[in-house]
Amino acid sequence: MSIAFFDIDGTLAVGHDVPASAEAALARMRANGHLVFICTGRPRAYAERHFGKYADGFVCNNGRLGFMGDRHLHDRALTADEVRWLVQTLDDAGSGYAFLEEWCGYYGGDPAYRATAESVWDPGMLRDGVDPDTIHAFNFDIYFADAEHRKRIAAALGDRCLVNPHGPHPSADVTIVGCDKGDAVRGVAESLGVALDDVYAFGDGINDLSMIRAAGHGVAMGNAVDEVKAEAEFVTTNVDDDGIANALTHYGLA
């Protein structure tokens, strides 16, 4: 049995749309006795709602939560002190932000970006106010005016965080250094008793580098950033050009 971990945006899907060839290939892979995990910066509520039918399990929040059904395989929530530092830093940088729990998110920072944040998430998912002592958050997204503003926010966060922009959209998800997708890939594989040589990771963005490196077999999409392509064992075609299906066929998984 093998496990394959798939990023969502730009890897498995474009928006909420999974190419028909990828959907069929994932079904064949599962029928062959292998496991499919979604591995995303998105929270559980979003990932399960839109992509649950494709997967056996999930890694969410850029690697801080991994689960299969009701079983948590990997759980690394942010501490209250980490949230306090992040909130102060983001406020000083004039950022909008949403800290993400398993089922909902909490918006804080500049109210000018509240509508931008709301447009990304399902209705009712975002609540207002971030209380470091009560939330059980795994990671956060940032919202900003433009690319220069994003760079100022990233500079303020420094080497404690990795900012992953969402293309031209004025938002980015953030990996807090110390736990990433790669840690989750290793944690899930160990929990399920699967050797890393039987683990495959598929990605396109900067936040996918850690899982590309952790897996026995790292796959970059044709539309991936150059850094991911350089680290990958195999580069497939674009997400909208049968990229997933071609890679799974290449490895004999589907």
Foldseek 3Di string as FASTA:
>chain_A
DFEEEEEEDFWQAPQLDGDPLLQVLLVLLVVVPYFYEYEYLAAQQVCCVRPVVSGQWYQYNQFQWTDGVPGTLHHDFDALVVVVVLQVLCQVLQKWKWFDDRQAIEIDGDPVCVVLVCVSDDPPRYHYDDRSVPDRGHWMKIFDDAPVSVVSSDVSCPPQKDWWDPPRRRMTTIDGPPGGSLNNQVSNCVSVVHDLLRYEYEDATPSRQNNQQNHNAYEYEQNHDPVSVVSGPYYAYTSNPSRNSVVCVVVVSD
